[in-house]
């Protein structure tokens, strides 16, 4: 007699998010340039602009830590929100 161990039908999905990241250099004065950054959380459409790398990383990590909460929390909000 062959006994089959029942396999779970639902596999936990890996936590992942899709972002688009835009980087450019902007002239802010004679011989002065600054890197500008824009991140879009593709699923929710939330878009943020940054001037500091750490702020950009914090934004992305927050969405990775709980992507479903962010989608629910941002429902009904405009798709473009800017932090500068």
Protein backbone atom coordinates (compact mmCIF):
# COMPACT_ATOMS: atom_id res chain seq x y z
CA UNK A 1 0.00 0.00 0.00
CA UNK A 2 1.36 3.41 -0.92
CA UNK A 3 0.67 6.31 1.41
CA UNK A 4 0.97 9.77 -0.02
CA UNK A 5 1.68 12.66 2.22
CA UNK A 6 -0.75 15.44 1.44
CA UNK A 7 0.97 18.45 -0.03
CA UNK A 8 -0.26 21.92 0.82
CA UNK A 9 -2.17 23.35 -2.12
CA UNK A 10 -1.28 26.92 -1.33
CA UNK A 11 2.39 27.90 -1.38
CA UNK A 12 3.32 31.10 0.43
CA UNK A 13 4.29 33.70 -2.12
CA UNK A 14 7.61 35.48 -1.71
CA UNK A 15 7.46 39.06 -0.58
CA UNK A 16 8.38 41.22 -3.49
CA UNK A 17 7.51 44.61 -4.91
CA UNK A 18 8.15 46.24 -8.23
CA UNK A 19 9.63 49.74 -8.34
CA UNK A 20 10.81 52.03 -11.10
CA UNK A 21 13.72 54.24 -10.11
CA UNK A 22 14.68 57.37 -12.03
CA UNK A 23 17.99 59.16 -11.37
CA UNK A 24 19.27 62.35 -12.94
CA UNK A 25 21.77 65.12 -12.29
CA UNK A 26 20.41 68.64 -11.96
CA UNK A 27 22.46 71.81 -12.12
CA UNK A 28 21.80 73.91 -9.02
CA UNK A 29 24.36 76.63 -9.63
CA UNK A 30 27.59 77.41 -11.44
CA UNK A 31 29.71 74.25 -11.26
CA UNK A 32 27.23 72.73 -8.74
CA UNK A 33 25.23 69.63 -9.46
CA UNK A 34 22.90 67.46 -7.40
CA UNK A 35 21.58 63.95 -7.95
CA UNK A 36 17.78 63.76 -7.95
CA UNK A 37 15.84 60.56 -7.51
CA UNK A 38 12.28 59.44 -8.13
CA UNK A 39 10.81 56.09 -7.07
CA UNK A 40 7.46 54.71 -8.19
CA UNK A 41 5.83 51.77 -6.40
CA UNK A 42 4.38 50.19 -9.52
CA UNK A 43 1.47 48.30 -7.94
CA UNK A 44 0.02 51.25 -6.02
CA UNK A 45 1.26 54.01 -8.34
CA UNK A 46 2.67 55.96 -5.40
CA UNK A 47 5.54 58.16 -6.59
CA UNK A 48 8.04 59.99 -4.42
CA UNK A 49 10.96 62.29 -5.24
CA UNK A 50 14.12 62.42 -3.16
CA UNK A 51 17.37 64.33 -2.85
CA UNK A 52 18.96 62.05 -0.26
CA UNK A 53 19.89 58.40 -0.87
CA UNK A 54 18.93 57.34 2.65
CA UNK A 55 15.39 58.68 2.27
CA UNK A 56 14.97 56.76 -0.98
CA UNK A 57 16.23 53.54 0.60
CA UNK A 58 13.93 54.03 3.62
CA UNK A 59 10.92 54.47 1.31
CA UNK A 60 11.71 51.27 -0.60
CA UNK A 61 12.44 49.21 2.52
CA UNK A 62 9.16 50.33 4.10
CA UNK A 63 7.22 49.01 1.10
CA UNK A 64 9.17 45.74 1.14
CA UNK A 65 8.49 45.15 4.83
CA UNK A 66 4.71 45.07 4.31
CA UNK A 67 3.61 45.55 0.69
CA UNK A 68 -0.07 44.63 1.25
CA UNK A 69 -0.52 47.26 3.95
CA UNK A 70 0.81 49.95 1.64
CA UNK A 71 -1.59 49.01 -1.15
CA UNK A 72 -4.57 49.20 1.20
CA UNK A 73 -3.37 52.35 2.95
CA UNK A 74 -2.91 54.22 -0.34
CA UNK A 75 -6.22 53.24 -1.94
CA UNK A 76 -8.01 56.32 -3.18
CA UNK A 77 -5.02 58.64 -2.85
CA UNK A 78 -3.59 60.51 -5.83
CA UNK A 79 -0.99 58.41 -7.62
CA UNK A 80 1.70 61.07 -7.29
CA UNK A 81 2.93 62.29 -3.94
CA UNK A 82 6.21 64.21 -3.75
CA UNK A 83 8.59 64.53 -0.80
CA UNK A 84 11.36 67.02 -1.25
